[in-house]
Protein backbone atom coordinates (compact mmCIF):
# COMPACT_ATOMS: atom_id res chain seq x y z
CA UNK A 1 134.77 52.41 27.83
CA UNK A 2 132.50 55.38 26.96
CA UNK A 3 133.12 54.63 23.28
CA UNK A 4 132.21 50.97 23.83
CA UNK A 5 129.00 52.02 25.53
CA UNK A 6 128.09 54.34 22.67
CA UNK A 7 128.81 51.55 20.18
CA UNK A 8 126.57 49.15 22.08
CA UNK A 9 123.82 51.75 22.28
CA UNK A 10 123.79 51.95 18.46
CA UNK A 11 124.34 48.24 17.87
CA UNK A 12 121.85 46.62 20.29
CA UNK A 13 118.41 48.28 19.85
CA UNK A 14 117.94 47.40 16.14
CA UNK A 15 118.73 43.74 16.85
CA UNK A 16 115.11 43.06 17.79
CA UNK A 17 113.56 45.15 15.01
CA UNK A 18 113.83 43.49 11.61
CA UNK A 19 112.60 46.67 9.89
CA UNK A 20 115.31 48.86 11.42
CA UNK A 21 118.29 49.69 9.20
CA UNK A 22 121.78 48.56 10.07
CA UNK A 23 123.30 51.20 12.37
CA UNK A 24 125.50 53.64 10.48
CA UNK A 25 129.20 53.01 10.65
CA UNK A 26 128.97 49.32 11.54
CA UNK A 27 129.23 47.91 8.05
CA UNK A 28 128.67 44.25 7.29
CA UNK A 29 124.91 44.48 6.67
CA UNK A 30 124.60 40.78 5.86
CA UNK A 31 126.51 39.71 8.97
CA UNK A 32 124.44 42.05 11.12
CA UNK A 33 121.23 40.57 9.70
CA UNK A 34 122.47 37.07 10.58
CA UNK A 35 123.34 38.18 14.10
CA UNK A 36 119.94 39.88 14.46
CA UNK A 37 118.18 36.68 13.43
CA UNK A 38 120.30 34.60 15.83
CA UNK A 39 119.43 36.86 18.76
CA UNK A 40 115.71 36.66 18.02
CA UNK A 41 115.80 32.90 17.56
CA UNK A 42 117.71 32.48 20.85
CA UNK A 43 115.05 34.45 22.73
CA UNK A 44 112.24 32.49 21.09
CA UNK A 45 113.97 29.26 22.08
CA UNK A 46 114.28 30.56 25.65
CA UNK A 47 110.53 31.24 25.75
CA UNK A 48 109.81 27.77 24.35
CA UNK A 49 111.94 26.22 27.11
CA UNK A 50 110.12 28.22 29.81
CA UNK A 51 106.61 27.68 28.40
CA UNK A 52 106.49 24.14 26.91
CA UNK A 53 102.81 23.63 27.76
CA UNK A 54 101.87 26.89 26.03
CA UNK A 55 103.80 25.80 22.95
CA UNK A 56 102.17 22.36 22.96
CA UNK A 57 98.72 23.94 23.25
CA UNK A 58 99.21 26.39 20.38
CA UNK A 59 101.51 24.41 18.11
CA UNK A 60 105.06 25.39 17.22
CA UNK A 61 104.27 27.78 14.36
CA UNK A 62 101.67 29.75 16.33
CA UNK A 63 103.90 29.85 19.41
CA UNK A 64 106.93 31.09 17.49
CA UNK A 65 104.94 33.84 15.78
CA UNK A 66 103.56 34.94 19.16
CA UNK A 67 106.98 34.69 20.81
CA UNK A 68 108.58 36.70 18.02
CA UNK A 69 106.01 39.45 18.52
CA UNK A 70 106.75 39.42 22.25
CA UNK A 71 110.51 39.57 21.69
CA UNK A 72 110.12 42.65 19.49
CA UNK A 73 107.79 44.33 21.99
CA UNK A 74 109.74 43.39 25.13
CA UNK A 75 113.52 43.16 24.75
CA UNK A 76 115.44 41.44 27.55
CA UNK A 77 116.56 43.51 30.52
CA UNK A 78 119.01 40.90 31.81
CA UNK A 79 121.58 38.60 30.20
CA UNK A 80 120.09 35.61 32.07
CA UNK A 81 117.86 33.79 29.59
CA UNK A 82 115.94 31.87 32.30
CA UNK A 83 114.90 35.26 33.70
CA UNK A 84 113.48 36.40 30.37
CA UNK A 85 109.78 36.26 29.54
CA UNK A 86 108.19 37.28 32.83
CA UNK A 87 105.81 39.52 30.88
CA UNK A 88 104.95 36.80 28.38
CA UNK A 89 101.71 35.60 30.09
CA UNK A 90 100.38 39.17 30.17
CA UNK A 91 101.40 39.56 26.53
CA UNK A 92 99.45 36.38 25.70
CA UNK A 93 96.36 37.92 27.35
CA UNK A 94 96.64 40.86 24.94
CA UNK A 95 97.71 38.92 21.86
CA UNK A 96 94.79 39.24 19.40
CA UNK A 97 95.33 35.84 17.77
CA UNK A 98 95.03 34.07 21.15
CA UNK A 99 91.61 35.48 22.05
CA UNK A 100 89.97 32.10 21.49
CA UNK A 101 92.27 30.65 24.18
CA UNK A 102 91.44 32.90 27.17
CA UNK A 103 93.05 30.46 29.64
CA UNK A 104 96.41 30.41 27.82
CA UNK A 105 97.94 33.29 29.77
CA UNK A 106 97.14 31.62 33.09
CA UNK A 107 98.74 28.37 31.93
CA UNK A 108 101.80 30.48 31.19
CA UNK A 109 101.65 31.97 34.68
CA UNK A 110 101.75 28.48 36.18
CA UNK A 111 104.77 27.63 34.02
CA UNK A 112 106.57 30.83 35.01
CA UNK A 113 105.87 30.14 38.67
CA UNK A 114 107.21 26.60 38.20
CA UNK A 115 110.51 27.95 36.87
CA UNK A 116 110.78 30.58 39.60
CA UNK A 117 110.14 27.94 42.26
CA UNK A 118 112.80 25.75 40.71
CA UNK A 119 115.41 28.53 40.94
CA UNK A 120 114.33 29.83 44.36
CA UNK A 121 116.60 29.62 47.40
CA UNK A 122 116.57 26.49 49.53
CA UNK A 123 115.01 26.63 52.99
CA UNK A 124 113.90 24.15 55.63
CA UNK A 125 110.08 24.02 55.59
CA UNK A 126 107.91 24.41 58.66
CA UNK A 127 106.56 21.13 60.04
CA UNK A 128 103.18 20.32 61.56
CA UNK A 129 105.01 19.73 64.85
CA UNK A 130 106.40 23.29 64.70
CA UNK A 131 102.92 24.63 64.15
CA UNK A 132 101.40 22.49 66.90
CA UNK A 133 104.00 23.81 69.35
CA UNK A 134 102.59 27.34 69.11
CA UNK A 135 100.31 28.32 72.00
CA UNK A 136 96.78 28.32 70.57
CA UNK A 137 96.08 31.64 72.30
CA UNK A 138 99.00 33.22 70.42
CA UNK A 139 98.20 31.73 67.03
CA UNK A 140 95.92 34.58 65.81
CA UNK A 141 98.89 36.96 66.16
CA UNK A 142 101.35 34.59 64.45
CA UNK A 143 102.99 35.45 61.13
CA UNK A 144 103.89 32.46 58.98
CA UNK A 145 106.96 33.25 56.90
CA UNK A 146 106.65 31.89 53.34
CA UNK A 147 109.18 29.56 51.74
CA UNK A 148 111.21 31.35 49.00
CA UNK A 149 109.80 28.93 46.41
CA UNK A 150 106.11 29.37 47.27
CA UNK A 151 103.95 30.84 44.51
CA UNK A 152 100.18 31.16 43.99
CA UNK A 153 98.36 31.49 40.67
CA UNK A 154 94.64 32.28 40.66
CA UNK A 155 92.73 31.53 37.48
CA UNK A 156 89.12 31.81 36.31
CA UNK A 157 89.89 28.75 34.19
CA UNK A 158 91.14 25.19 34.88
CA UNK A 159 94.71 26.37 34.33
CA UNK A 160 96.27 23.69 36.51
CA UNK A 161 94.44 20.87 34.74
CA UNK A 162 95.40 22.24 31.33
CA UNK A 163 99.00 22.71 32.48
CA UNK A 164 99.19 19.15 33.82
CA UNK A 165 97.80 17.70 30.58
CA UNK A 166 100.25 19.59 28.39
CA UNK A 167 103.46 20.02 30.36
CA UNK A 168 104.44 16.55 29.13
CA UNK A 169 102.93 14.67 26.19
CA UNK A 170 99.40 13.85 27.30
CA UNK A 171 97.94 10.38 27.30
CA UNK A 172 95.84 9.68 24.17
CA UNK A 173 92.63 9.51 26.21
CA UNK A 174 93.35 12.57 28.40
CA UNK A 175 90.26 14.76 28.76
CA UNK A 176 89.55 17.96 30.65
CA UNK A 177 87.10 17.01 33.38
CA UNK A 178 85.84 20.48 34.25
CA UNK A 179 85.95 24.09 33.10
CA UNK A 180 85.79 25.40 36.68
CA UNK A 181 88.23 27.98 38.00
CA UNK A 182 91.36 26.72 39.76
CA UNK A 183 93.75 28.25 42.28
CA UNK A 184 97.24 26.77 42.10
CA UNK A 185 100.03 26.35 44.64
CA UNK A 186 103.56 25.97 43.30
CA UNK A 187 106.50 25.36 45.60
CA UNK A 188 109.69 23.37 46.09
CA UNK A 189 110.17 22.25 49.69
CA UNK A 190 113.03 19.91 48.74
CA UNK A 191 114.45 18.98 45.33
CA UNK A 192 111.33 18.74 43.17
CA UNK A 193 108.83 21.44 42.28
CA UNK A 194 105.28 20.50 43.28
CA UNK A 195 102.12 21.90 41.70
CA UNK A 196 98.76 21.28 43.34
CA UNK A 197 95.27 22.77 43.56
CA UNK A 198 94.21 24.91 46.48
CA UNK A 199 90.88 24.31 48.25
CA UNK A 200 88.09 26.94 48.38
CA UNK A 201 89.45 30.25 49.76
CA UNK A 202 92.84 28.57 50.25
CA UNK A 203 94.45 31.05 47.88
CA UNK A 204 93.04 33.99 49.86
CA UNK A 205 94.40 32.50 53.08
CA UNK A 206 97.81 31.80 51.60
CA UNK A 207 98.21 35.11 49.77
CA UNK A 208 97.33 37.00 52.95
CA UNK A 209 99.90 35.02 54.93
CA UNK A 210 102.55 35.46 52.24
CA UNK A 211 101.90 39.21 52.33
CA UNK A 212 102.69 39.34 56.06
CA UNK A 213 99.15 39.36 57.47
CA UNK A 214 98.69 37.68 60.81
CA UNK A 215 97.14 34.23 61.00
CA UNK A 216 93.95 35.69 62.47
CA UNK A 217 93.64 38.30 59.73
CA UNK A 218 94.26 35.73 56.99
CA UNK A 219 91.70 33.31 58.38
CA UNK A 220 89.10 36.06 58.61
CA UNK A 221 89.67 37.03 54.98
CA UNK A 222 89.37 33.42 53.79
CA UNK A 223 86.26 32.72 55.85
CA UNK A 224 84.60 35.85 54.46
CA UNK A 225 85.24 34.68 50.90
CA UNK A 226 83.70 31.22 51.03
CA UNK A 227 81.38 29.22 53.27
CA UNK A 228 83.25 26.13 52.05
CA UNK A 229 86.52 27.29 53.62
CA UNK A 230 88.02 24.53 55.77
CA UNK A 231 90.79 25.96 57.95
CA UNK A 232 92.16 22.64 59.22
CA UNK A 233 92.33 21.06 55.76
CA UNK A 234 93.80 24.17 54.13
CA UNK A 235 96.47 24.69 56.76
CA UNK A 236 97.47 21.02 56.89
CA UNK A 237 97.77 20.89 53.09
CA UNK A 238 99.94 24.03 53.00
CA UNK A 239 102.27 22.86 55.75
CA UNK A 240 102.50 19.45 54.08
CA UNK A 241 103.44 21.22 50.84
CA UNK A 242 106.25 23.08 52.60
CA UNK A 243 104.80 26.54 52.03
CA UNK A 244 106.23 28.12 55.21
CA UNK A 245 109.65 28.15 56.88
CA UNK A 246 108.99 29.44 60.39
CA UNK A 247 106.61 31.34 62.64
CA UNK A 248 107.03 34.82 64.08
CA UNK A 249 104.83 35.85 67.00
CA UNK A 250 103.70 39.44 67.16
CA UNK A 251 102.49 41.11 70.29
CA UNK A 252 98.71 41.58 70.14
CA UNK A 253 97.46 45.08 69.42
CA UNK A 254 96.11 46.74 72.59
């Protein structure tokens, strides 16, 4: 086994570097080159499957060149291909040839969140009746436990609108209605992943709750961010989306 590990240590690293020589002692330079190409192509295909909207926005040739650069810079740390590419949106932000598409990384973040929500554990979502059953006097000290599939993406760009127009082939007359920033909620309360916009300060409220802040603390943070914050509408939309699983009541701080 130690010999196998040493062999792998020499064999694997050059697979993602086309300029690296074939490791000494392996022989079969042509076969190694074929294997190296197959590994790279497989990882590029995995990225294309995870980020179809990004590929549609850039075109196949641009996407594959960008994905190849990412593969060489960030080799996989797990054998699970669906888990690969978590750093790809951040890589897109830094990729010099994508500077004219500043929203592209955020579209990728929505796509990554979609896949993570799809593979997240199942859980029964909290209902409005469950929430209504909580004593109003205790609600400020309540902690709403997030659903395993719940994700939030905040963007300075209309990332959700661009994602929705390009995840599947867009209609011929599809047009972007606004260039305003969008906060996005991604979750999967049942079988299907849902992606929807969050209202003003809704992302601040939800992120605070998902980070374990009490309901009172989260509401205060959201209200401080925007005068347009609507607690009733935000909370009803989140519960309807299946963002939470249950409520834990903390004892108030003396």
